[in-house]
Amino acid sequence: MAVSVRDRVFAGALRLTGAAASTIVLLVVLYLCLGAIPALSELGIRRFFTDSGWFPSAGARDGAFNLTAMLAGTVATTIGAVALTAPLGVLSAIFSRFYAPASLRRPYQRIVELLAGIPSVVYGFWGLVCLVPLIRELAPPGPSLLAGILILTIMILPTVALLADAALEAIPLSQLEGAAALGLTRLTTLRDVVFPAARAGLGIAVVLGTMRAIGETMAVLMVCGNVVRMPDSVFAAVRTLTANIALELGYATAEHRSVLFVSGVMLMLIVLALVAVQERLRRRAALA
């Protein structure tokens, strides 16, 4: 079968686009690593976890470059948000796919898509003027780990819900028709047919939502309080790695600036680990 010139041009454009995307990712990783090398060679890795705190302006000799508190803040906000979002996102997809009336399904999906497109600074502004004062009534000061968790939950919920809906949509119709022919109830069909068939896809949805939560900057910067401390309570003010980079990169110099690049490398390693998990889930879905 002959291949037309149009098909060849289209295939070449796809290859070029893929190569460009891969090159950009490699250049970003290379730029981060080159920026982090001075701090790694001057300070070593151990000081990022054993120094007395975060006082980078004093320089390599007298300063302190402990990133543990900010890493803990990043992990705490992400885990808290994902723990809330995963069940809510899956339940949202189940409602849209199996329970929502036909007249409501499409408007509901459009609303979820709209929520996914709202800029993070808008979520952060809403959290700062509405959510933080409510938390302050419960336990001062208001800007806190809890505020960051709730804002991230709202932000990544549409992503998880839409991807979970796509995973449910990919279930072969024959399986659902077979369950209906056997007289299974809707709840039994969900438990014994839908969830086993869509398990890998639902897992990918949660992983992608986790990636967005880890990389979020502006919203958590606005509502978390930006205090460098270990999170010992959900009402404590914390600072994440992304917020720390955004706050200090503009004036950081020498080792201080290089350590911020180390923070970026840490985030990149976490994302790479999540990508590996996603790829494993994708292969499992392909084999199912």
C-alpha atoms as a PDB file:
ATOM      1  CA  MET A   1       0.000   0.000   0.000  1.00  0.00           C
ATOM      2  CA  ALA A   2       1.524   3.296  -1.120  1.00  0.00           C
ATOM      3  CA  VAL A   3       2.025   6.035   1.403  1.00  0.00           C
ATOM      4  CA  SER A   4       0.948   9.476   0.273  1.00  0.00           C
ATOM      5  CA  VAL A   5       3.146  12.544   0.503  1.00  0.00           C
ATOM      6  CA  ARG A   6       0.729  14.054   3.025  1.00  0.00           C
ATOM      7  CA  ASP A   7       1.099  11.030   5.312  1.00  0.00           C
ATOM      8  CA  ARG A   8       4.878  11.215   5.099  1.00  0.00           C
ATOM      9  CA  VAL A   9       4.875  14.910   5.935  1.00  0.00           C
ATOM     10  CA  PHE A  10       2.536  14.312   8.857  1.00  0.00           C
ATOM     11  CA  ALA A  11       4.674  11.446  10.173  1.00  0.00           C
ATOM     12  CA  GLY A  12       7.810  13.577   9.862  1.00  0.00           C
ATOM     13  CA  ALA A  13       6.125  16.440  11.731  1.00  0.00           C
ATOM     14  CA  LEU A  14       5.162  14.033  14.540  1.00  0.00           C
ATOM     15  CA  ARG A  15       8.733  12.733  14.796  1.00  0.00           C
ATOM     16  CA  LEU A  16      10.085  16.269  14.861  1.00  0.00           C
ATOM     17  CA  THR A  17       7.634  17.291  17.579  1.00  0.00           C
ATOM     18  CA  GLY A  18       8.503  14.248  19.670  1.00  0.00           C
ATOM     19  CA  ALA A  19      12.216  14.891  19.285  1.00  0.00           C
ATOM     20  CA  ALA A  20      11.751  18.558  20.246  1.00  0.00           C
ATOM     21  CA  ALA A  21       9.773  17.649  23.374  1.00  0.00           C
ATOM     22  CA  SER A  22      12.383  15.106  24.451  1.00  0.00           C
ATOM     23  CA  THR A  23      15.192  17.585  23.817  1.00  0.00           C
ATOM     24  CA  ILE A  24      13.489  20.261  25.930  1.00  0.00           C
ATOM     25  CA  VAL A  25      13.086  17.846  28.841  1.00  0.00           C
ATOM     26  CA  LEU A  26      16.728  16.785  28.622  1.00  0.00           C
ATOM     27  CA  LEU A  27      17.872  20.414  28.491  1.00  0.00           C
ATOM     28  CA  VAL A  28      15.808  21.265  31.588  1.00  0.00           C
ATOM     29  CA  VAL A  29      17.295  18.330  33.492  1.00  0.00           C
ATOM     30  CA  LEU A  30      20.798  19.266  32.330  1.00  0.00           C
ATOM     31  CA  TYR A  31      20.290  22.912  33.356  1.00  0.00           C
ATOM     32  CA  LEU A  32      19.122  21.853  36.834  1.00  0.00           C
ATOM     33  CA  CYS A  33      22.054  19.502  37.301  1.00  0.00           C
ATOM     34  CA  LEU A  34      24.609  22.079  36.163  1.00  0.00           C
ATOM     35  CA  GLY A  35      23.118  24.637  38.532  1.00  0.00           C
ATOM     36  CA  ALA A  36      23.203  22.170  41.435  1.00  0.00           C
ATOM     37  CA  ILE A  37      26.804  21.005  40.937  1.00  0.00           C
ATOM     38  CA  PRO A  38      28.464  23.945  42.789  1.00  0.00           C
ATOM     39  CA  ALA A  39      26.391  23.339  45.931  1.00  0.00           C
ATOM     40  CA  LEU A  40      26.886  19.582  45.778  1.00  0.00           C
ATOM     41  CA  SER A  41      30.661  19.939  45.412  1.00  0.00           C
ATOM     42  CA  GLU A  42      31.006  22.732  47.995  1.00  0.00           C
ATOM     43  CA  LEU A  43      28.549  21.535  50.636  1.00  0.00           C
ATOM     44  CA  GLY A  44      28.006  17.855  49.945  1.00  0.00           C
ATOM     45  CA  ILE A  45      24.685  16.069  50.219  1.00  0.00           C
ATOM     46  CA  ARG A  46      24.723  15.478  53.995  1.00  0.00           C
ATOM     47  CA  ARG A  47      24.427  19.146  54.919  1.00  0.00           C
ATOM     48  CA  PHE A  48      21.062  19.421  53.171  1.00  0.00           C
ATOM     49  CA  PHE A  49      19.665  17.118  55.851  1.00  0.00           C
ATOM     50  CA  THR A  50      21.849  17.779  58.913  1.00  0.00           C
ATOM     51  CA  ASP A  51      22.398  21.565  59.076  1.00  0.00           C
ATOM     52  CA  SER A  52      20.752  23.450  61.927  1.00  0.00           C
ATOM     53  CA  GLY A  53      18.182  25.173  59.716  1.00  0.00           C
ATOM     54  CA  TRP A  54      17.764  27.343  56.623  1.00  0.00           C
ATOM     55  CA  PHE A  55      20.053  30.386  56.814  1.00  0.00           C
ATOM     56  CA  PRO A  56      21.683  30.478  53.367  1.00  0.00           C
ATOM     57  CA  SER A  57      22.648  34.159  53.318  1.00  0.00           C
ATOM     58  CA  ALA A  58      25.595  33.546  55.676  1.00  0.00           C
ATOM     59  CA  GLY A  59      27.433  31.654  52.931  1.00  0.00           C
ATOM     60  CA  ALA A  60      28.903  28.182  52.693  1.00  0.00           C
ATOM     61  CA  ARG A  61      31.060  28.520  55.781  1.00  0.00           C
ATOM     62  CA  ASP A  62      28.638  29.923  58.357  1.00  0.00           C
ATOM     63  CA  GLY A  63      25.279  29.395  56.669  1.00  0.00           C
ATOM     64  CA  ALA A  64      22.811  26.560  57.105  1.00  0.00           C
ATOM     65  CA  PHE A  65      21.195  24.812  54.159  1.00  0.00           C
ATOM     66  CA  ASN A  66      18.857  22.225  55.652  1.00  0.00           C
ATOM     67  CA  LEU A  67      16.100  21.354  53.182  1.00  0.00           C
ATOM     68  CA  THR A  68      14.404  18.721  55.349  1.00  0.00           C
ATOM     69  CA  ALA A  69      11.618  20.959  56.661  1.00  0.00           C
ATOM     70  CA  MET A  70      10.669  22.139  53.172  1.00  0.00           C
ATOM     71  CA  LEU A  71      10.862  18.625  51.768  1.00  0.00           C
ATOM     72  CA  ALA A  72       8.594  17.472  54.603  1.00  0.00           C
ATOM     73  CA  GLY A  73       6.200  20.331  53.842  1.00  0.00           C
ATOM     74  CA  THR A  74       6.104  19.322  50.181  1.00  0.00           C
ATOM     75  CA  VAL A  75       5.461  15.671  50.981  1.00  0.00           C
ATOM     76  CA  ALA A  76       2.855  16.466  53.666  1.00  0.00           C
ATOM     77  CA  THR A  77       0.797  18.789  51.478  1.00  0.00           C
ATOM     78  CA  THR A  78       0.978  16.367  48.551  1.00  0.00           C
ATOM     79  CA  ILE A  79       0.056  13.246  50.528  1.00  0.00           C
ATOM     80  CA  GLY A  80      -2.767  15.049  52.315  1.00  0.00           C
ATOM     81  CA  ALA A  81      -4.191  16.396  49.057  1.00  0.00           C
ATOM     82  CA  VAL A  82      -3.919  13.065  47.237  1.00  0.00           C
ATOM     83  CA  ALA A  83      -5.510  11.205  50.166  1.00  0.00           C
ATOM     84  CA  LEU A  84      -8.564  13.442  49.838  1.00  0.00           C
ATOM     85  CA  THR A  85      -8.581  13.724  46.059  1.00  0.00           C
ATOM     86  CA  ALA A  86      -8.210  10.051  45.101  1.00  0.00           C
ATOM     87  CA  PRO A  87     -11.576   8.859  46.485  1.00  0.00           C
ATOM     88  CA  LEU A  88     -13.370  12.082  45.555  1.00  0.00           C
ATOM     89  CA  GLY A  89     -12.053  12.007  41.987  1.00  0.00           C
ATOM     90  CA  VAL A  90     -12.972   8.360  41.481  1.00  0.00           C
ATOM     91  CA  LEU A  91     -16.433   8.888  42.987  1.00  0.00           C
ATOM     92  CA  SER A  92     -16.933  11.903  40.719  1.00  0.00           C
ATOM     93  CA  ALA A  93     -16.076   9.792  37.670  1.00  0.00           C
ATOM     94  CA  ILE A  94     -18.388   6.990  38.822  1.00  0.00           C
ATOM     95  CA  PHE A  95     -21.237   9.456  39.315  1.00  0.00           C
ATOM     96  CA  SER A  96     -20.684  10.976  35.888  1.00  0.00           C
ATOM     97  CA  ARG A  97     -20.401   7.638  34.126  1.00  0.00           C
ATOM     98  CA  PHE A  98     -22.974   5.447  35.911  1.00  0.00           C
ATOM     99  CA  TYR A  99     -25.337   7.492  38.059  1.00  0.00           C
ATOM    100  CA  ALA A 100     -25.799  10.971  36.543  1.00  0.00           C
ATOM    101  CA  PRO A 101     -28.931  11.446  34.408  1.00  0.00           C
ATOM    102  CA  ALA A 102     -28.245  11.955  30.721  1.00  0.00           C
ATOM    103  CA  SER A 103     -29.377  15.585  30.942  1.00  0.00           C
ATOM    104  CA  LEU A 104     -26.886  16.266  33.766  1.00  0.00           C
ATOM    105  CA  ARG A 105     -23.866  14.265  32.593  1.00  0.00           C
ATOM    106  CA  ARG A 106     -22.560  16.650  29.946  1.00  0.00           C
ATOM    107  CA  PRO A 107     -23.008  19.878  31.992  1.00  0.00           C
ATOM    108  CA  TYR A 108     -21.350  18.171  34.946  1.00  0.00           C
ATOM    109  CA  GLN A 109     -18.341  17.184  32.837  1.00  0.00           C
ATOM    110  CA  ARG A 110     -18.069  20.717  31.427  1.00  0.00           C
ATOM    111  CA  ILE A 111     -18.002  22.136  34.959  1.00  0.00           C
ATOM    112  CA  VAL A 112     -15.208  19.735  35.949  1.00  0.00           C
ATOM    113  CA  GLU A 113     -13.255  20.704  32.822  1.00  0.00           C
ATOM    114  CA  LEU A 114     -13.739  24.375  33.688  1.00  0.00           C
ATOM    115  CA  LEU A 115     -12.341  23.790  37.178  1.00  0.00           C
ATOM    116  CA  ALA A 116      -9.286  22.132  35.627  1.00  0.00           C
ATOM    117  CA  GLY A 117      -8.566  25.261  33.587  1.00  0.00           C
ATOM    118  CA  ILE A 118      -8.711  27.851  36.377  1.00  0.00           C
ATOM    119  CA  PRO A 119      -5.229  29.379  36.986  1.00  0.00           C
ATOM    120  CA  SER A 120      -3.529  28.388  40.216  1.00  0.00           C
ATOM    121  CA  VAL A 121      -3.174  32.014  41.318  1.00  0.00           C
ATOM    122  CA  VAL A 122      -6.986  32.304  41.316  1.00  0.00           C
ATOM    123  CA  TYR A 123      -7.246  29.265  43.581  1.00  0.00           C
ATOM    124  CA  GLY A 124      -4.563  30.763  45.798  1.00  0.00           C
ATOM    125  CA  PHE A 125      -6.328  34.120  45.969  1.00  0.00           C
ATOM    126  CA  TRP A 126      -9.620  32.452  46.883  1.00  0.00           C
ATOM    127  CA  GLY A 127      -7.876  30.372  49.523  1.00  0.00           C
ATOM    128  CA  LEU A 128      -6.180  33.446  50.986  1.00  0.00           C
ATOM    129  CA  VAL A 129      -9.332  35.558  51.305  1.00  0.00           C
ATOM    130  CA  CYS A 130     -11.910  32.840  52.075  1.00  0.00           C
ATOM    131  CA  LEU A 131     -10.331  29.609  53.304  1.00  0.00           C
ATOM    132  CA  VAL A 132      -7.520  30.981  55.469  1.00  0.00           C
ATOM    133  CA  PRO A 133      -9.865  33.171  57.604  1.00  0.00           C
ATOM    134  CA  LEU A 134     -12.077  30.137  58.255  1.00  0.00           C
ATOM    135  CA  ILE A 135      -9.089  28.098  59.405  1.00  0.00           C
ATOM    136  CA  ARG A 136      -7.954  31.045  61.555  1.00  0.00           C
ATOM    137  CA  GLU A 137     -11.252  30.774  63.430  1.00  0.00           C
ATOM    138  CA  LEU A 138     -10.419  27.174  64.294  1.00  0.00           C
ATOM    139  CA  ALA A 139      -6.736  27.606  65.111  1.00  0.00           C
ATOM    140  CA  PRO A 140      -4.521  30.634  64.410  1.00  0.00           C
ATOM    141  CA  PRO A 141      -2.615  31.745  62.408  1.00  0.00           C
ATOM    142  CA  GLY A 142      -4.691  30.522  59.433  1.00  0.00           C
ATOM    143  CA  PRO A 143      -2.049  30.109  56.705  1.00  0.00           C
ATOM    144  CA  SER A 144      -1.130  26.504  57.317  1.00  0.00           C
ATOM    145  CA  LEU A 145      -0.518  23.005  56.104  1.00  0.00           C
ATOM    146  CA  LEU A 146      -4.273  22.374  56.214  1.00  0.00           C
ATOM    147  CA  ALA A 147      -4.933  25.347  53.925  1.00  0.00           C
ATOM    148  CA  GLY A 148      -2.355  24.037  51.459  1.00  0.00           C
ATOM    149  CA  ILE A 149      -3.866  20.544  51.534  1.00  0.00           C
ATOM    150  CA  LEU A 150      -7.381  21.829  50.901  1.00  0.00           C
ATOM    151  CA  ILE A 151      -6.329  24.150  48.087  1.00  0.00           C
ATOM    152  CA  LEU A 152      -4.317  21.406  46.387  1.00  0.00           C
ATOM    153  CA  THR A 153      -7.262  19.030  46.791  1.00  0.00           C
ATOM    154  CA  ILE A 154      -9.555  21.440  44.955  1.00  0.00           C
ATOM    155  CA  MET A 155      -6.910  22.067  42.280  1.00  0.00           C
ATOM    156  CA  ILE A 156      -6.052  18.479  41.406  1.00  0.00           C
ATOM    157  CA  LEU A 157      -9.560  17.065  41.845  1.00  0.00           C
ATOM    158  CA  PRO A 158     -10.641  17.945  38.268  1.00  0.00           C
ATOM    159  CA  THR A 159      -7.503  16.325  36.839  1.00  0.00           C
ATOM    160  CA  VAL A 160      -8.068  13.077  38.724  1.00  0.00           C
ATOM    161  CA  ALA A 161     -11.808  13.100  37.989  1.00  0.00           C
ATOM    162  CA  LEU A 162     -11.363  13.596  34.235  1.00  0.00           C
ATOM    163  CA  LEU A 163      -8.635  10.966  33.921  1.00  0.00           C
ATOM    164  CA  ALA A 164     -10.625   8.523  36.046  1.00  0.00           C
ATOM    165  CA  ASP A 165     -13.635   9.121  33.812  1.00  0.00           C
ATOM    166  CA  ALA A 166     -11.478   8.316  30.774  1.00  0.00           C
ATOM    167  CA  ALA A 167     -10.346   5.097  32.461  1.00  0.00           C
ATOM    168  CA  LEU A 168     -13.953   4.078  33.100  1.00  0.00           C
ATOM    169  CA  GLU A 169     -14.916   4.955  29.532  1.00  0.00           C
ATOM    170  CA  ALA A 170     -12.208   2.593  28.242  1.00  0.00           C
ATOM    171  CA  ILE A 171     -13.860  -0.436  29.856  1.00  0.00           C
ATOM    172  CA  PRO A 172     -15.189  -2.707  27.073  1.00  0.00           C
ATOM    173  CA  LEU A 173     -18.934  -2.352  26.721  1.00  0.00           C
ATOM    174  CA  SER A 174     -19.250  -6.129  26.451  1.00  0.00           C
ATOM    175  CA  GLN A 175     -18.187  -6.512  30.090  1.00  0.00           C
ATOM    176  CA  LEU A 176     -20.885  -4.133  31.285  1.00  0.00           C
ATOM    177  CA  GLU A 177     -23.493  -5.793  29.061  1.00  0.00           C
ATOM    178  CA  GLY A 178     -22.464  -9.211  30.389  1.00  0.00           C
ATOM    179  CA  ALA A 179     -22.864  -7.984  33.981  1.00  0.00           C
ATOM    180  CA  ALA A 180     -26.309  -6.635  33.132  1.00  0.00           C
ATOM    181  CA  ALA A 181     -27.267  -9.940  31.472  1.00  0.00           C
ATOM    182  CA  LEU A 182     -26.308 -11.797  34.650  1.00  0.00           C
ATOM    183  CA  GLY A 183     -28.611  -9.555  36.635  1.00  0.00           C
ATOM    184  CA  LEU A 184     -25.850  -8.001  38.742  1.00  0.00           C
ATOM    185  CA  THR A 185     -26.761  -4.894  40.676  1.00  0.00           C
ATOM    186  CA  ARG A 186     -25.034  -1.630  39.850  1.00  0.00           C
ATOM    187  CA  LEU A 187     -22.986  -1.766  43.033  1.00  0.00           C
ATOM    188  CA  THR A 188     -21.906  -5.351  42.367  1.00  0.00           C
ATOM    189  CA  THR A 189     -21.009  -4.435  38.792  1.00  0.00           C
ATOM    190  CA  LEU A 190     -18.822  -1.594  40.055  1.00  0.00           C
ATOM    191  CA  ARG A 191     -17.097  -3.795  42.617  1.00  0.00           C
ATOM    192  CA  ASP A 192     -16.570  -6.952  40.544  1.00  0.00           C
ATOM    193  CA  VAL A 193     -16.337  -5.646  36.973  1.00  0.00           C
ATOM    194  CA  VAL A 194     -15.606  -1.928  36.739  1.00  0.00           C
ATOM    195  CA  PHE A 195     -12.942  -1.502  39.418  1.00  0.00           C
ATOM    196  CA  PRO A 196     -10.866  -4.567  38.408  1.00  0.00           C
ATOM    197  CA  ALA A 197     -10.985  -3.545  34.739  1.00  0.00           C
ATOM    198  CA  ALA A 198     -10.124   0.112  35.355  1.00  0.00           C
ATOM    199  CA  ARG A 199      -7.731  -0.322  38.283  1.00  0.00           C
ATOM    200  CA  ALA A 200      -4.579   0.546  36.367  1.00  0.00           C
ATOM    201  CA  GLY A 201      -6.189   3.537  34.661  1.00  0.00           C
ATOM    202  CA  LEU A 202      -7.481   4.856  37.975  1.00  0.00           C
ATOM    203  CA  GLY A 203      -4.003   4.463  39.431  1.00  0.00           C
ATOM    204  CA  ILE A 204      -2.530   6.492  36.559  1.00  0.00           C
ATOM    205  CA  ALA A 205      -5.094   9.230  37.219  1.00  0.00           C
ATOM    206  CA  VAL A 206      -4.015   9.458  40.855  1.00  0.00           C
ATOM    207  CA  VAL A 207      -0.313   9.473  39.924  1.00  0.00           C
ATOM    208  CA  LEU A 208      -0.781  12.315  37.437  1.00  0.00           C
ATOM    209  CA  GLY A 209      -2.728  14.260  40.037  1.00  0.00           C
ATOM    210  CA  THR A 210       0.133  13.702  42.467  1.00  0.00           C
ATOM    211  CA  MET A 211       2.597  15.114  39.939  1.00  0.00           C
ATOM    212  CA  ARG A 212       0.573  18.286  39.640  1.00  0.00           C
ATOM    213  CA  ALA A 213       0.325  18.618  43.421  1.00  0.00           C
ATOM    214  CA  ILE A 214       4.087  18.286  43.880  1.00  0.00           C
ATOM    215  CA  GLY A 215       4.849  20.940  41.284  1.00  0.00           C
ATOM    216  CA  GLU A 216       2.260  23.489  42.409  1.00  0.00           C
ATOM    217  CA  THR A 217       3.832  26.769  43.532  1.00  0.00           C
ATOM    218  CA  MET A 218       1.673  29.890  43.578  1.00  0.00           C
ATOM    219  CA  ALA A 219      -1.346  28.565  45.446  1.00  0.00           C
ATOM    220  CA  VAL A 220       0.638  26.927  48.253  1.00  0.00           C
ATOM    221  CA  LEU A 221       2.903  29.971  48.465  1.00  0.00           C
ATOM    222  CA  MET A 222      -0.161  32.129  49.139  1.00  0.00           C
ATOM    223  CA  VAL A 223      -1.875  29.964  51.770  1.00  0.00           C
ATOM    224  CA  CYS A 224       0.749  27.880  53.603  1.00  0.00           C
ATOM    225  CA  GLY A 225       2.433  30.654  55.614  1.00  0.00           C
ATOM    226  CA  ASN A 226       5.970  30.110  54.266  1.00  0.00           C
ATOM    227  CA  VAL A 227       7.596  29.379  57.624  1.00  0.00           C
ATOM    228  CA  VAL A 228      10.574  27.007  57.422  1.00  0.00           C
ATOM    229  CA  ARG A 229       9.658  24.458  60.078  1.00  0.00           C
ATOM    230  CA  MET A 230       8.831  20.792  60.356  1.00  0.00           C
ATOM    231  CA  PRO A 231       5.053  20.304  60.093  1.00  0.00           C
ATOM    232  CA  ASP A 232       3.999  19.083  63.543  1.00  0.00           C
ATOM    233  CA  SER A 233       0.300  19.945  63.056  1.00  0.00           C
ATOM    234  CA  VAL A 234      -2.091  20.519  60.184  1.00  0.00           C
ATOM    235  CA  PHE A 235      -2.573  24.045  61.555  1.00  0.00           C
ATOM    236  CA  ALA A 236       1.161  24.839  61.460  1.00  0.00           C
ATOM    237  CA  ALA A 237       2.569  27.196  58.843  1.00  0.00           C
ATOM    238  CA  VAL A 238       4.956  25.433  56.443  1.00  0.00           C
ATOM    239  CA  ARG A 239       7.011  26.114  53.343  1.00  0.00           C
ATOM    240  CA  THR A 240       7.348  23.797  50.354  1.00  0.00           C
ATOM    241  CA  LEU A 241      10.342  23.388  48.069  1.00  0.00           C
ATOM    242  CA  THR A 242       8.525  24.999  45.150  1.00  0.00           C
ATOM    243  CA  ALA A 243       7.480  28.015  47.242  1.00  0.00           C
ATOM    244  CA  ASN A 244      11.030  28.382  48.541  1.00  0.00           C
ATOM    245  CA  ILE A 245      12.407  28.501  45.001  1.00  0.00           C
ATOM    246  CA  ALA A 246       9.826  31.076  43.942  1.00  0.00           C
ATOM    247  CA  LEU A 247      10.477  33.265  46.982  1.00  0.00           C
ATOM    248  CA  GLU A 248      14.274  33.278  46.975  1.00  0.00           C
ATOM    249  CA  LEU A 249      15.571  32.647  43.464  1.00  0.00           C
ATOM    250  CA  GLY A 250      15.178  36.307  42.498  1.00  0.00           C
ATOM    251  CA  TYR A 251      17.854  37.508  44.921  1.00  0.00           C
ATOM    252  CA  ALA A 252      19.854  34.357  45.683  1.00  0.00           C
ATOM    253  CA  THR A 253      23.554  34.272  44.783  1.00  0.00           C
ATOM    254  CA  ALA A 254      26.491  31.860  45.020  1.00  0.00           C
ATOM    255  CA  GLU A 255      25.817  28.752  47.146  1.00  0.00           C
ATOM    256  CA  HIS A 256      22.324  29.993  48.025  1.00  0.00           C
ATOM    257  CA  ARG A 257      21.288  29.995  44.367  1.00  0.00           C
ATOM    258  CA  SER A 258      22.913  26.636  43.719  1.00  0.00           C
ATOM    259  CA  VAL A 259      21.072  25.046  46.662  1.00  0.00           C
ATOM    260  CA  LEU A 260      17.797  26.207  45.140  1.00  0.00           C
ATOM    261  CA  PHE A 261      18.815  24.250  42.044  1.00  0.00           C
ATOM    262  CA  VAL A 262      19.373  21.257  44.322  1.00  0.00           C
ATOM    263  CA  SER A 263      15.768  21.717  45.460  1.00  0.00           C
ATOM    264  CA  GLY A 264      14.721  21.550  41.820  1.00  0.00           C
ATOM    265  CA  VAL A 265      16.709  18.354  41.345  1.00  0.00           C
ATOM    266  CA  MET A 266      14.946  16.834  44.370  1.00  0.00           C
ATOM    267  CA  LEU A 267      11.573  17.655  42.857  1.00  0.00           C
ATOM    268  CA  MET A 268      12.674  16.232  39.517  1.00  0.00           C
ATOM    269  CA  LEU A 269      13.730  12.962  41.174  1.00  0.00           C
ATOM    270  CA  ILE A 270      10.343  12.664  42.882  1.00  0.00           C
ATOM    271  CA  VAL A 271       8.595  13.250  39.566  1.00  0.00           C
ATOM    272  CA  LEU A 272      10.806  10.673  37.836  1.00  0.00           C
ATOM    273  CA  ALA A 273       9.855   8.133  40.495  1.00  0.00           C
ATOM    274  CA  LEU A 274       6.183   8.879  39.870  1.00  0.00           C
ATOM    275  CA  VAL A 275       6.725   8.555  36.117  1.00  0.00           C
ATOM    276  CA  ALA A 276       8.200   5.092  36.722  1.00  0.00           C
ATOM    277  CA  VAL A 277       5.117   4.156  38.754  1.00  0.00           C
ATOM    278  CA  GLN A 278       2.866   5.496  36.007  1.00  0.00           C
ATOM    279  CA  GLU A 279       4.701   3.507  33.352  1.00  0.00           C
ATOM    280  CA  ARG A 280       4.371   0.336  35.401  1.00  0.00           C
ATOM    281  CA  LEU A 281       0.640   0.914  35.754  1.00  0.00           C
ATOM    282  CA  ARG A 282       0.360   1.601  32.035  1.00  0.00           C
ATOM    283  CA  ARG A 283       2.072  -1.685  31.175  1.00  0.00           C
ATOM    284  CA  ARG A 284      -0.171  -3.518  33.593  1.00  0.00           C
ATOM    285  CA  ALA A 285      -3.207  -1.955  31.903  1.00  0.00           C
ATOM    286  CA  ALA A 286      -1.907  -3.010  28.481  1.00  0.00           C
ATOM    287  CA  LEU A 287      -1.498  -6.594  29.661  1.00  0.00           C
ATOM    288  CA  ALA A 288      -4.923  -6.744  31.293  1.00  0.00           C
END
